[in-house]
Amino acid sequence: MELSVIVARGRDEVAAFPLGRNVHDVGVLVETGVAASVSLDVAAEAVSIGTSLAVAMDLTGTLTVELFLMPDDSLVVNELAPRVHNSGTGRSRAPRPPSSSSTSERSAGWGSDPRPRTVRPPWSTC
C-alpha cells in the first residue's frame, strides 16, 4: 500500500494534511483516499517523517512525501516532492490542517484564517 502525507511549513510551524491512501492502475495513480484507514501509530509516524524531512531540508512551503506501508507496519519513503504532488491534487474537499491557512499564506508567515475553504483543482470550472 502506498500512502502520502502533505506538510506545509512556515517560519514558525508545520501542519500536516490528513494522510492519504494511493490507488494505482498499471503504475498510474488513479485515486487518493483521505483519510487513509491505517492505525494511529502508522499515521503519526507518516506525519512525523514528513515533518522531520521538511524541517531537515529547511523547507518553507509544501512537501509531499509518498511512503510504502510494509507488512510489518513500517514505512519506507518512496518519493518526495517540494509541492503538492499528484497524490494531493484530488484533495480539493479534504479537511484543512488544524488552525492553518493556505500554504502560500503559511509560507509568507501570515496569520491563520479559521474559516473553512474548498480548494478547487486548477482545471476545475466551478
N, C-alpha and C. Protein backbone atom coordinates (compact mmCIF):
# COMPACT_ATOMS: atom_id res chain seq x y z
N MET A 1 0.86 -1.18 0.00
CA MET A 1 0.00 0.00 0.00
C MET A 1 0.89 1.23 0.00
N GLU A 2 0.49 2.23 -0.79
CA GLU A 2 1.22 3.50 -0.79
C GLU A 2 0.37 4.56 -0.10
N LEU A 3 1.03 5.33 0.76
CA LEU A 3 0.40 6.43 1.49
C LEU A 3 1.07 7.73 1.10
N SER A 4 0.40 8.84 1.33
CA SER A 4 1.04 10.12 1.11
C SER A 4 0.63 11.09 2.20
N VAL A 5 1.60 11.89 2.60
CA VAL A 5 1.35 12.95 3.57
C VAL A 5 1.85 14.25 2.97
N ILE A 6 1.05 15.28 3.14
CA ILE A 6 1.43 16.61 2.66
C ILE A 6 1.60 17.49 3.88
N VAL A 7 2.77 18.11 3.99
CA VAL A 7 3.02 19.03 5.10
C VAL A 7 3.27 20.42 4.54
N ALA A 8 2.85 21.41 5.30
CA ALA A 8 3.09 22.81 4.94
C ALA A 8 3.89 23.42 6.08
N ARG A 9 5.00 24.04 5.73
CA ARG A 9 5.89 24.60 6.76
C ARG A 9 6.08 26.08 6.51
N GLY A 10 5.87 26.84 7.57
CA GLY A 10 6.12 28.28 7.54
C GLY A 10 7.33 28.60 8.39
N ARG A 11 7.43 29.83 8.80
CA ARG A 11 8.58 30.23 9.61
C ARG A 11 8.56 29.60 11.00
N ASP A 12 7.36 29.46 11.57
CA ASP A 12 7.27 29.05 12.97
C ASP A 12 6.49 27.78 13.22
N GLU A 13 5.91 27.18 12.21
CA GLU A 13 5.10 25.99 12.46
C GLU A 13 5.04 25.10 11.24
N VAL A 14 4.65 23.85 11.50
CA VAL A 14 4.45 22.87 10.45
C VAL A 14 3.07 22.27 10.67
N ALA A 15 2.29 22.13 9.62
CA ALA A 15 0.98 21.48 9.71
C ALA A 15 0.91 20.40 8.65
N ALA A 16 0.18 19.33 8.98
CA ALA A 16 0.04 18.22 8.04
C ALA A 16 -1.42 18.04 7.65
N PHE A 17 -1.63 17.74 6.38
CA PHE A 17 -2.95 17.39 5.90
C PHE A 17 -3.21 15.93 6.27
N PRO A 18 -4.46 15.50 6.29
CA PRO A 18 -4.75 14.09 6.61
C PRO A 18 -4.02 13.14 5.66
N LEU A 19 -3.60 12.03 6.20
CA LEU A 19 -2.87 11.02 5.44
C LEU A 19 -3.75 10.45 4.34
N GLY A 20 -3.18 10.29 3.15
CA GLY A 20 -3.92 9.73 2.03
C GLY A 20 -3.43 8.33 1.69
N ARG A 21 -4.34 7.53 1.14
CA ARG A 21 -4.00 6.19 0.64
C ARG A 21 -4.11 6.24 -0.88
N ASN A 22 -3.04 5.88 -1.55
CA ASN A 22 -2.97 5.99 -3.01
C ASN A 22 -3.33 4.67 -3.68
N VAL A 23 -4.14 4.76 -4.72
CA VAL A 23 -4.54 3.59 -5.51
C VAL A 23 -4.00 3.78 -6.92
N HIS A 24 -3.30 2.76 -7.42
CA HIS A 24 -2.69 2.82 -8.75
C HIS A 24 -3.34 1.80 -9.68
N ASP A 25 -3.32 2.11 -10.97
CA ASP A 25 -3.75 1.18 -12.01
C ASP A 25 -2.66 1.17 -13.06
N VAL A 26 -2.03 0.03 -13.23
CA VAL A 26 -0.92 -0.14 -14.17
C VAL A 26 0.16 0.92 -13.89
N GLY A 27 0.45 1.15 -12.63
CA GLY A 27 1.50 2.07 -12.25
C GLY A 27 1.14 3.53 -12.28
N VAL A 28 -0.10 3.88 -12.58
CA VAL A 28 -0.53 5.27 -12.64
C VAL A 28 -1.49 5.54 -11.50
N LEU A 29 -1.25 6.63 -10.77
CA LEU A 29 -2.13 7.00 -9.68
C LEU A 29 -3.51 7.34 -10.22
N VAL A 30 -4.55 6.67 -9.69
CA VAL A 30 -5.91 6.95 -10.13
C VAL A 30 -6.78 7.53 -9.02
N GLU A 31 -6.34 7.39 -7.77
CA GLU A 31 -7.16 7.88 -6.67
C GLU A 31 -6.32 7.99 -5.40
N THR A 32 -6.60 9.03 -4.63
CA THR A 32 -6.04 9.15 -3.29
C THR A 32 -7.20 9.33 -2.33
N GLY A 33 -7.36 8.37 -1.45
CA GLY A 33 -8.43 8.44 -0.46
C GLY A 33 -7.94 9.11 0.81
N VAL A 34 -8.73 10.02 1.34
CA VAL A 34 -8.37 10.76 2.55
C VAL A 34 -9.51 10.55 3.53
N ALA A 35 -9.28 10.27 4.74
CA ALA A 35 -8.04 9.90 5.39
C ALA A 35 -7.83 8.38 5.28
N ALA A 36 -6.57 7.99 5.17
CA ALA A 36 -6.23 6.60 4.98
C ALA A 36 -6.65 5.77 6.19
N SER A 37 -7.13 4.57 5.94
CA SER A 37 -7.53 3.66 7.03
C SER A 37 -6.32 2.88 7.50
N VAL A 38 -5.55 3.51 8.36
CA VAL A 38 -4.37 2.89 8.95
C VAL A 38 -4.42 3.14 10.46
N SER A 39 -3.58 2.47 11.19
CA SER A 39 -3.54 2.66 12.65
C SER A 39 -3.08 4.08 12.98
N LEU A 40 -3.43 4.52 14.16
CA LEU A 40 -2.99 5.84 14.61
C LEU A 40 -1.47 5.92 14.67
N ASP A 41 -0.83 4.81 15.04
CA ASP A 41 0.64 4.78 15.10
C ASP A 41 1.26 4.99 13.72
N VAL A 42 0.71 4.33 12.70
CA VAL A 42 1.22 4.48 11.34
C VAL A 42 0.99 5.91 10.85
N ALA A 43 -0.20 6.44 11.09
CA ALA A 43 -0.50 7.81 10.66
C ALA A 43 0.44 8.80 11.35
N ALA A 44 0.65 8.64 12.65
CA ALA A 44 1.54 9.54 13.39
C ALA A 44 2.97 9.44 12.88
N GLU A 45 3.42 8.23 12.55
CA GLU A 45 4.77 8.05 12.03
C GLU A 45 4.92 8.71 10.66
N ALA A 46 3.91 8.59 9.81
CA ALA A 46 3.95 9.22 8.49
C ALA A 46 4.05 10.74 8.63
N VAL A 47 3.25 11.31 9.51
CA VAL A 47 3.30 12.76 9.73
C VAL A 47 4.66 13.16 10.31
N SER A 48 5.18 12.35 11.22
CA SER A 48 6.49 12.63 11.81
C SER A 48 7.59 12.61 10.74
N ILE A 49 7.53 11.65 9.85
CA ILE A 49 8.51 11.57 8.76
C ILE A 49 8.41 12.81 7.88
N GLY A 50 7.21 13.17 7.47
CA GLY A 50 7.03 14.35 6.62
C GLY A 50 7.51 15.62 7.29
N THR A 51 7.14 15.78 8.56
CA THR A 51 7.55 16.96 9.32
C THR A 51 9.07 17.01 9.48
N SER A 52 9.65 15.88 9.84
CA SER A 52 11.11 15.82 10.04
C SER A 52 11.86 16.15 8.75
N LEU A 53 11.37 15.64 7.63
CA LEU A 53 12.03 15.93 6.35
C LEU A 53 11.93 17.41 6.00
N ALA A 54 10.76 18.00 6.19
CA ALA A 54 10.59 19.44 5.88
C ALA A 54 11.51 20.29 6.74
N VAL A 55 11.61 19.94 8.02
CA VAL A 55 12.49 20.70 8.93
C VAL A 55 13.95 20.47 8.56
N ALA A 56 14.33 19.22 8.30
CA ALA A 56 15.73 18.91 7.96
C ALA A 56 16.17 19.61 6.68
N MET A 57 15.25 19.80 5.73
CA MET A 57 15.58 20.47 4.48
C MET A 57 15.45 21.98 4.59
N ASP A 58 15.01 22.45 5.78
CA ASP A 58 14.77 23.88 5.99
C ASP A 58 13.82 24.42 4.93
N LEU A 59 12.83 23.60 4.59
CA LEU A 59 11.88 23.93 3.56
C LEU A 59 10.83 24.91 4.07
N THR A 60 10.52 25.90 3.29
CA THR A 60 9.39 26.78 3.55
C THR A 60 8.43 26.59 2.40
N GLY A 61 7.24 26.10 2.71
CA GLY A 61 6.26 25.81 1.68
C GLY A 61 5.65 24.45 1.89
N THR A 62 5.47 23.73 0.81
CA THR A 62 4.75 22.46 0.85
C THR A 62 5.66 21.31 0.45
N LEU A 63 5.51 20.19 1.16
CA LEU A 63 6.27 18.99 0.85
C LEU A 63 5.29 17.82 0.84
N THR A 64 5.31 17.03 -0.23
CA THR A 64 4.56 15.79 -0.30
C THR A 64 5.54 14.64 -0.15
N VAL A 65 5.21 13.72 0.76
CA VAL A 65 6.03 12.53 0.98
C VAL A 65 5.16 11.31 0.69
N GLU A 66 5.58 10.52 -0.27
CA GLU A 66 4.88 9.27 -0.56
C GLU A 66 5.66 8.13 0.07
N LEU A 67 4.92 7.23 0.72
CA LEU A 67 5.53 6.17 1.53
C LEU A 67 4.90 4.83 1.22
N PHE A 68 5.69 3.78 1.29
CA PHE A 68 5.16 2.42 1.22
C PHE A 68 4.90 1.95 2.64
N LEU A 69 3.71 1.39 2.88
CA LEU A 69 3.41 0.75 4.15
C LEU A 69 3.76 -0.72 3.99
N MET A 70 4.72 -1.19 4.78
CA MET A 70 5.21 -2.55 4.69
C MET A 70 4.33 -3.48 5.54
N PRO A 71 4.42 -4.79 5.31
CA PRO A 71 3.59 -5.73 6.06
C PRO A 71 3.77 -5.67 7.58
N ASP A 72 4.94 -5.22 8.04
CA ASP A 72 5.16 -5.11 9.49
C ASP A 72 4.78 -3.73 10.02
N ASP A 73 4.06 -2.94 9.23
CA ASP A 73 3.60 -1.58 9.56
C ASP A 73 4.72 -0.54 9.59
N SER A 74 5.90 -0.89 9.11
CA SER A 74 6.95 0.12 8.98
C SER A 74 6.68 0.91 7.69
N LEU A 75 7.29 2.08 7.60
CA LEU A 75 7.11 2.95 6.43
C LEU A 75 8.44 3.15 5.73
N VAL A 76 8.41 3.13 4.41
CA VAL A 76 9.60 3.36 3.59
C VAL A 76 9.27 4.52 2.65
N VAL A 77 10.11 5.56 2.66
CA VAL A 77 9.89 6.71 1.78
C VAL A 77 10.11 6.28 0.34
N ASN A 78 9.13 6.59 -0.49
CA ASN A 78 9.17 6.25 -1.91
C ASN A 78 9.52 7.46 -2.77
N GLU A 79 8.94 8.62 -2.43
CA GLU A 79 9.12 9.79 -3.29
C GLU A 79 8.90 11.06 -2.48
N LEU A 80 9.65 12.10 -2.82
CA LEU A 80 9.49 13.42 -2.21
C LEU A 80 9.22 14.43 -3.31
N ALA A 81 8.35 15.38 -3.02
CA ALA A 81 8.09 16.47 -3.97
C ALA A 81 7.92 17.76 -3.17
N PRO A 82 8.69 18.80 -3.49
CA PRO A 82 8.58 20.07 -2.77
C PRO A 82 7.39 20.90 -3.26
N ARG A 83 6.23 20.26 -3.33
CA ARG A 83 4.99 20.88 -3.80
C ARG A 83 3.87 19.89 -3.51
N VAL A 84 2.65 20.29 -3.77
CA VAL A 84 1.55 19.33 -3.72
C VAL A 84 1.68 18.47 -4.96
N HIS A 85 2.02 17.22 -4.73
CA HIS A 85 2.31 16.29 -5.83
C HIS A 85 1.01 15.68 -6.35
N ASN A 86 1.10 14.76 -7.28
CA ASN A 86 -0.12 14.18 -7.88
C ASN A 86 -1.04 13.55 -6.85
N SER A 87 -0.50 13.02 -5.75
CA SER A 87 -1.37 12.42 -4.73
C SER A 87 -2.11 13.47 -3.92
N GLY A 88 -1.82 14.74 -4.14
CA GLY A 88 -2.52 15.80 -3.43
C GLY A 88 -3.52 16.55 -4.28
N THR A 89 -3.50 16.33 -5.58
CA THR A 89 -4.37 17.11 -6.45
C THR A 89 -5.85 16.76 -6.28
N GLY A 90 -6.15 15.58 -5.80
CA GLY A 90 -7.54 15.18 -5.62
C GLY A 90 -8.09 15.51 -4.25
N ARG A 91 -7.37 16.27 -3.47
CA ARG A 91 -7.78 16.55 -2.09
C ARG A 91 -8.57 17.85 -1.97
N SER A 92 -9.27 18.22 -3.01
CA SER A 92 -9.93 19.53 -3.01
C SER A 92 -10.96 19.67 -1.91
N ARG A 93 -11.53 18.59 -1.44
CA ARG A 93 -12.53 18.69 -0.38
C ARG A 93 -12.03 18.07 0.93
N ALA A 94 -10.76 17.81 1.01
CA ALA A 94 -10.19 17.24 2.23
C ALA A 94 -10.19 18.27 3.35
N PRO A 95 -10.25 17.80 4.59
CA PRO A 95 -10.18 18.74 5.71
C PRO A 95 -8.86 19.49 5.71
N ARG A 96 -8.89 20.71 6.15
CA ARG A 96 -7.67 21.51 6.24
C ARG A 96 -6.93 21.17 7.51
N PRO A 97 -5.64 21.40 7.56
CA PRO A 97 -4.91 21.17 8.80
C PRO A 97 -5.47 22.06 9.91
N PRO A 98 -5.41 21.61 11.16
CA PRO A 98 -5.92 22.42 12.26
C PRO A 98 -5.25 23.78 12.31
N SER A 99 -6.05 24.82 12.51
CA SER A 99 -5.54 26.18 12.68
C SER A 99 -4.57 26.59 11.59
N SER A 100 -4.88 26.25 10.37
CA SER A 100 -3.93 26.60 9.30
C SER A 100 -4.61 27.47 8.26
N SER A 101 -3.78 28.08 7.49
CA SER A 101 -4.25 28.83 6.34
C SER A 101 -3.67 28.16 5.12
N SER A 102 -3.81 28.77 3.97
CA SER A 102 -3.27 28.16 2.76
C SER A 102 -1.76 28.07 2.86
N THR A 103 -1.17 27.19 2.05
CA THR A 103 0.28 27.03 2.11
C THR A 103 1.00 28.30 1.72
N SER A 104 0.45 29.07 0.78
CA SER A 104 1.12 30.32 0.41
C SER A 104 1.07 31.32 1.56
N GLU A 105 -0.07 31.39 2.26
CA GLU A 105 -0.16 32.27 3.43
C GLU A 105 0.80 31.81 4.52
N ARG A 106 0.85 30.49 4.73
CA ARG A 106 1.75 29.94 5.75
C ARG A 106 3.21 30.25 5.40
N SER A 107 3.56 30.06 4.14
CA SER A 107 4.94 30.32 3.71
C SER A 107 5.31 31.78 3.87
N ALA A 108 4.33 32.66 3.66
CA ALA A 108 4.58 34.09 3.79
C ALA A 108 4.60 34.54 5.25
N GLY A 109 4.20 33.64 6.16
CA GLY A 109 4.21 33.99 7.57
C GLY A 109 2.99 34.77 8.00
N TRP A 110 1.92 34.76 7.19
CA TRP A 110 0.71 35.47 7.56
C TRP A 110 -0.06 34.66 8.58
N GLY A 111 -0.98 35.30 9.28
CA GLY A 111 -1.76 34.63 10.32
C GLY A 111 -2.71 33.59 9.76
N SER A 112 -3.20 32.75 10.67
CA SER A 112 -4.14 31.70 10.29
C SER A 112 -5.54 32.27 10.07
N ASP A 113 -6.26 31.67 9.19
CA ASP A 113 -7.65 32.04 8.92
C ASP A 113 -8.50 30.82 9.24
N PRO A 114 -9.32 30.87 10.30
CA PRO A 114 -10.05 29.68 10.73
C PRO A 114 -11.26 29.33 9.85
N ARG A 115 -11.59 30.17 8.87
CA ARG A 115 -12.76 29.88 8.03
C ARG A 115 -12.51 28.66 7.15
N PRO A 116 -13.48 27.75 7.06
CA PRO A 116 -13.31 26.59 6.18
C PRO A 116 -13.30 27.04 4.72
N ARG A 117 -12.56 26.34 3.91
CA ARG A 117 -12.46 26.65 2.49
C ARG A 117 -12.55 25.38 1.67
N THR A 118 -13.02 25.52 0.47
CA THR A 118 -12.93 24.45 -0.50
C THR A 118 -11.96 24.91 -1.56
N VAL A 119 -10.89 24.16 -1.71
CA VAL A 119 -9.87 24.50 -2.70
C VAL A 119 -10.12 23.63 -3.91
N ARG A 120 -10.28 24.25 -5.06
CA ARG A 120 -10.59 23.50 -6.27
C ARG A 120 -9.30 23.30 -7.08
N PRO A 121 -9.21 22.13 -7.73
CA PRO A 121 -8.05 21.90 -8.59
C PRO A 121 -8.01 22.95 -9.70
N PRO A 122 -6.83 23.25 -10.24
CA PRO A 122 -6.69 24.30 -11.23
C PRO A 122 -7.52 24.07 -12.50
N TRP A 123 -7.85 22.81 -12.80
CA TRP A 123 -8.61 22.52 -14.01
C TRP A 123 -10.12 22.59 -13.77
N SER A 124 -10.54 22.86 -12.54
CA SER A 124 -11.96 22.92 -12.21
C SER A 124 -12.60 24.14 -12.86
N THR A 125 -13.82 23.98 -13.33
CA THR A 125 -14.52 25.10 -13.95
C THR A 125 -15.60 25.66 -13.05
N CYS A 126 -15.81 25.07 -11.88
CA CYS A 126 -16.85 25.59 -10.99
C CYS A 126 -16.28 26.22 -9.75
